[in-house]
Structures are given as structure tokens and as C-alpha cells.
């Protein structure tokens, strides 16, 4: 049989364990959340020769919390020879030479990794006329004449301009949607969307009587 001192010690230990169990709830004692993934932004990450972009690595945990691990992660690049880009220890990517294909940049933290796609050079900007009636044409009379809205979309956020505002006026900035108006004059006009990051695209639009 246990002596009185031994019994007292066991009872005290059991009380402490019980209190810890109650304070920790049903999930157990001090369970640390598990690191589930690493997300890198921006993704994709376009950069031009001689310029840099700061990448951010965010750790996602099983309990829904996040942590910025940009300065804690190990950064590597598929361009191991550093011909096209360099990547610093804190995720700063610098363009050296235009790429012919995307480069994968990886951030690793506690055996979990995330990636982003890096290209060096001007982006390709594609413009679509969403208000044109057929192809890249629009009928002036069928759309109410001067002041009638005409809309465009681009593949990236862009600053918009028109080569002839008397045909189509447009001045939207930093948007994938270019909102213009018919100027009341017929003819063909060049609409330009210049990417806010890099690159530009043009579209010839004909306004018919």
C-alpha cells in the first residue's frame, strides 16, 4: 500500500494535470498549429531588365493563421546560373536578361515550399473590344452617335489612350477595363493599353457611319 506522503504526491500531481487539461480544452495540451503551405506574392511576378520586384512569402497554418516568413525562408531559383534573374535572401528578384520561358522561384520554410513564376521582359498586353458589333468595328448611328459608351478589356491592368479622341475618346488608368465614348467622327482609330507593370498592346477600331 502507498504511504500517506506518496498518496499526497499523487493526488497533487493528478490535480495539476486535471487543471492543465481543463485550461487547454478538448484539443489537448498546448498543440501547436501545423504549417500547411507557403504562398508567394506576386504570382506571377513580371520584372524588366535592370529593375527589381519584392516577393513576399506567407506561411499558412492549420488553425487558419498566417505569418510573413519572407525574411525567414530560403529563396532559390530554377535559373541556377543567374543568367536571367538574381534572387536575394529576402526575396528581391532582379531582372538581368529577357527570358524565353518562365523561371520558378521557390521559398522554403520548415520543410514546406511555395513557388512563383518570374518572367523578365515586357508583358504581352491583349486588348479586346467588348462593345464592337462585328470584329473590331462599331456602327456610329446604331449606337446613338457621339457620347455613346464603348468598352474595352485588357489582359493586365493598364493605362488607356486613343489615337484620335474625335473618333473614340478614352482615358481610363490602371484598369483591365477601358471605358471610352464615341466622338461623333467616323474612321479608324488606334486604342492603346499600356500595362502598369510593363508592356503595351494596341487595337485598331473602325467606327462606321
Protein backbone atom coordinates (compact mmCIF):
# COMPACT_ATOMS: atom_id res chain seq x y z
CA UNK A 1 0.00 0.00 0.00
CA UNK A 2 1.06 3.60 -0.65
CA UNK A 3 2.12 5.58 2.37
CA UNK A 4 0.47 8.86 3.21
CA UNK A 5 3.23 11.00 1.66
CA UNK A 6 3.13 9.03 -1.58
CA UNK A 7 -0.65 9.36 -1.75
CA UNK A 8 -0.45 13.10 -1.20
CA UNK A 9 2.11 13.48 -4.00
CA UNK A 10 -0.03 11.50 -6.46
CA UNK A 11 -3.15 13.47 -5.57
CA UNK A 12 -1.29 16.77 -6.06
CA UNK A 13 0.10 15.63 -9.41
CA UNK A 14 -3.34 14.49 -10.56
CA UNK A 15 -4.81 17.85 -9.59
CA UNK A 16 -2.20 19.73 -11.61
CA UNK A 17 -2.77 17.52 -14.65
CA UNK A 18 -6.53 17.98 -14.36
CA UNK A 19 -6.19 21.74 -14.18
CA UNK A 20 -3.93 21.77 -17.25
CA UNK A 21 -6.42 19.61 -19.11
CA UNK A 22 -9.28 21.94 -18.30
CA UNK A 23 -7.31 25.05 -19.27
CA UNK A 24 -6.25 23.55 -22.61
CA UNK A 25 -9.77 22.49 -23.59
CA UNK A 26 -10.68 19.43 -25.59
CA UNK A 27 -7.90 19.94 -28.12
CA UNK A 28 -5.22 18.67 -25.76
CA UNK A 29 -2.17 20.19 -24.17
CA UNK A 30 -0.58 23.16 -25.98
CA UNK A 31 -0.99 21.77 -29.52
CA UNK A 32 0.98 23.90 -31.97
CA UNK A 33 -0.66 24.57 -35.36
CA UNK A 34 0.87 22.77 -38.33
CA UNK A 35 2.48 24.64 -41.22
CA UNK A 36 0.42 23.61 -44.25
CA UNK A 37 1.64 25.76 -47.16
CA UNK A 38 3.73 28.69 -48.32
CA UNK A 39 2.23 31.29 -50.67
CA UNK A 40 4.39 33.72 -52.65
CA UNK A 41 3.12 37.02 -53.98
CA UNK A 42 3.05 38.40 -56.58
CA UNK A 43 2.36 35.29 -58.64
CA UNK A 44 3.18 35.55 -61.49
CA UNK A 45 5.92 38.12 -60.98
CA UNK A 46 6.91 40.04 -64.14
CA UNK A 47 10.07 42.15 -63.99
CA UNK A 48 12.06 44.09 -66.57
CA UNK A 49 15.81 44.13 -67.18
CA UNK A 50 17.54 46.29 -64.58
CA UNK A 51 14.52 46.50 -62.29
CA UNK A 52 13.53 44.53 -59.21
CA UNK A 53 10.41 43.17 -57.56
CA UNK A 54 9.98 42.28 -53.89
CA UNK A 55 8.46 38.84 -53.32
CA UNK A 56 6.57 38.07 -50.13
CA UNK A 57 6.36 34.58 -48.60
CA UNK A 58 3.38 33.89 -46.35
CA UNK A 59 3.14 30.76 -44.19
CA UNK A 60 -0.35 29.29 -43.77
CA UNK A 61 -1.10 27.22 -40.66
CA UNK A 62 -3.69 24.57 -39.87
CA UNK A 63 -5.54 26.84 -37.45
CA UNK A 64 -6.11 29.47 -40.13
CA UNK A 65 -3.38 31.85 -39.00
CA UNK A 66 -0.67 33.23 -41.26
CA UNK A 67 2.86 34.51 -40.80
CA UNK A 68 5.12 36.59 -43.02
CA UNK A 69 8.23 34.43 -43.43
CA UNK A 70 9.88 36.42 -46.22
CA UNK A 71 13.00 37.01 -44.14
CA UNK A 72 12.99 33.52 -42.63
CA UNK A 73 12.55 31.46 -45.80
CA UNK A 74 15.31 30.10 -48.00
CA UNK A 75 14.99 31.52 -51.54
CA UNK A 76 16.13 29.63 -54.63
CA UNK A 77 15.65 29.95 -58.38
CA UNK A 78 15.48 27.49 -61.26
CA UNK A 79 17.90 29.87 -63.00
CA UNK A 80 20.82 28.48 -61.04
CA UNK A 81 23.38 30.17 -63.31
CA UNK A 82 21.74 33.57 -62.64
CA UNK A 83 21.67 34.29 -66.36
CA UNK A 84 18.24 35.92 -66.30
CA UNK A 85 17.48 36.81 -62.66
CA UNK A 86 19.07 37.03 -59.27
CA UNK A 87 17.16 36.30 -56.07
CA UNK A 88 18.33 37.70 -52.74
CA UNK A 89 18.00 36.08 -49.33
CA UNK A 90 14.93 38.23 -48.64
CA UNK A 91 13.09 37.55 -51.91
CA UNK A 92 14.25 40.51 -54.01
CA UNK A 93 14.22 39.45 -57.67
CA UNK A 94 16.25 41.48 -60.17
CA UNK A 95 15.97 41.09 -63.95
CA UNK A 96 19.25 40.58 -65.82
CA UNK A 97 18.21 39.42 -69.28
CA UNK A 98 14.92 38.85 -71.08
CA UNK A 99 13.61 35.32 -70.56
CA UNK A 100 12.35 32.95 -73.22
CA UNK A 101 10.40 30.91 -70.67
CA UNK A 102 9.24 31.41 -67.08
CA UNK A 103 11.65 30.94 -64.19
CA UNK A 104 10.46 29.28 -60.99
CA UNK A 105 11.42 30.98 -57.73
CA UNK A 106 10.94 28.92 -54.57
CA UNK A 107 10.67 29.92 -50.91
CA UNK A 108 11.23 27.11 -48.39
CA UNK A 109 10.47 27.29 -44.67
CA UNK A 110 10.43 24.40 -42.21
CA UNK A 111 10.37 21.79 -45.00
CA UNK A 112 7.41 23.41 -46.75
CA UNK A 113 7.81 25.25 -50.06
CA UNK A 114 5.92 27.65 -52.27
CA UNK A 115 6.69 28.89 -55.78
CA UNK A 116 6.06 31.79 -58.12
CA UNK A 117 6.65 32.24 -61.83
CA UNK A 118 9.06 35.00 -62.89
CA UNK A 119 9.46 36.40 -66.40
CA UNK A 120 11.87 39.10 -67.50
CA UNK A 121 10.78 41.45 -70.28
CA UNK A 122 7.70 43.33 -71.34
CA UNK A 123 4.36 41.68 -70.74
CA UNK A 124 2.12 40.89 -73.66
CA UNK A 125 -1.00 43.03 -73.36
CA UNK A 126 -4.05 41.77 -75.22
CA UNK A 127 -6.94 44.15 -75.89
CA UNK A 128 -10.50 43.15 -76.75
CA UNK A 129 -13.29 45.42 -77.93
CA UNK A 130 -16.29 44.29 -75.92
CA UNK A 131 -18.70 46.81 -77.47
CA UNK A 132 -17.84 46.25 -81.12
CA UNK A 133 -20.74 44.94 -83.17
CA UNK A 134 -18.66 42.82 -85.55
CA UNK A 135 -14.96 42.14 -85.22
CA UNK A 136 -13.26 45.43 -84.35
CA UNK A 137 -15.92 47.66 -85.88
CA UNK A 138 -18.79 49.62 -84.42
CA UNK A 139 -21.68 51.44 -86.04
CA UNK A 140 -21.96 55.09 -85.06
CA UNK A 141 -25.62 55.51 -85.97
CA UNK A 142 -26.70 52.20 -84.41
CA UNK A 143 -25.18 53.20 -81.09
CA UNK A 144 -26.67 56.65 -80.76
CA UNK A 145 -23.85 58.81 -82.12
CA UNK A 146 -21.47 60.99 -80.16
CA UNK A 147 -21.18 60.29 -76.46
CA UNK A 148 -22.21 56.65 -76.72
CA UNK A 149 -20.16 54.36 -74.48
CA UNK A 150 -17.73 51.85 -75.94
CA UNK A 151 -15.85 49.42 -73.74
CA UNK A 152 -12.58 47.51 -73.97
CA UNK A 153 -10.83 44.94 -71.81
CA UNK A 154 -7.15 44.07 -71.44
CA UNK A 155 -5.28 41.06 -70.11
CA UNK A 156 -3.48 43.17 -67.46
CA UNK A 157 -4.17 46.39 -65.58
CA UNK A 158 -3.34 49.19 -67.99
CA UNK A 159 -3.49 52.90 -68.76
CA UNK A 160 -5.68 53.55 -71.80
CA UNK A 161 -5.40 56.10 -74.60
CA UNK A 162 -6.86 56.84 -78.02
CA UNK A 163 -5.04 57.93 -81.14
CA UNK A 164 -7.95 60.14 -82.14
CA UNK A 165 -10.41 61.32 -79.49
CA UNK A 166 -12.77 62.71 -82.14
CA UNK A 167 -13.47 59.10 -83.13
CA UNK A 168 -13.16 57.41 -79.71
CA UNK A 169 -12.19 59.19 -76.51
CA UNK A 170 -10.69 57.07 -73.72
CA UNK A 171 -8.54 57.90 -70.68
CA UNK A 172 -9.00 55.10 -68.14
CA UNK A 173 -6.00 54.42 -65.87
CA UNK A 174 -4.77 51.33 -64.02
CA UNK A 175 -7.64 49.09 -65.04
CA UNK A 176 -8.33 45.98 -67.10
CA UNK A 177 -11.47 47.74 -68.35
CA UNK A 178 -11.14 50.71 -70.68
CA UNK A 179 -14.25 52.88 -70.80
CA UNK A 180 -14.47 55.14 -73.84
CA UNK A 181 -17.04 57.21 -75.68
CA UNK A 182 -17.73 57.76 -79.36
CA UNK A 183 -16.59 61.17 -80.50
CA UNK A 184 -19.05 61.50 -83.36
CA UNK A 185 -16.48 61.17 -86.16
CA UNK A 186 -16.17 58.05 -88.30
CA UNK A 187 -12.90 56.37 -89.26
CA UNK A 188 -10.27 54.05 -87.82
CA UNK A 189 -8.52 54.77 -84.54
CA UNK A 190 -5.77 53.04 -82.56
CA UNK A 191 -6.61 52.22 -78.94
CA UNK A 192 -3.55 51.62 -76.74
CA UNK A 193 -3.36 49.91 -73.36
CA UNK A 194 -0.01 50.34 -71.57
CA UNK A 195 0.49 47.84 -68.76
CA UNK A 196 1.03 49.44 -65.37
CA UNK A 197 3.83 46.91 -64.77
CA UNK A 198 5.27 46.63 -68.28
CA UNK A 199 4.34 46.06 -71.90
CA UNK A 200 1.62 47.52 -74.09
CA UNK A 201 -0.93 46.44 -76.66
CA UNK A 202 -2.88 48.16 -79.42
CA UNK A 203 -6.15 47.59 -81.21
CA UNK A 204 -7.41 49.16 -84.43
CA UNK A 205 -11.11 50.02 -84.19
CA UNK A 206 -13.23 51.24 -87.09
CA UNK A 207 -16.28 53.37 -86.47
CA UNK A 208 -18.69 53.20 -89.39
CA UNK A 209 -21.44 55.68 -90.25
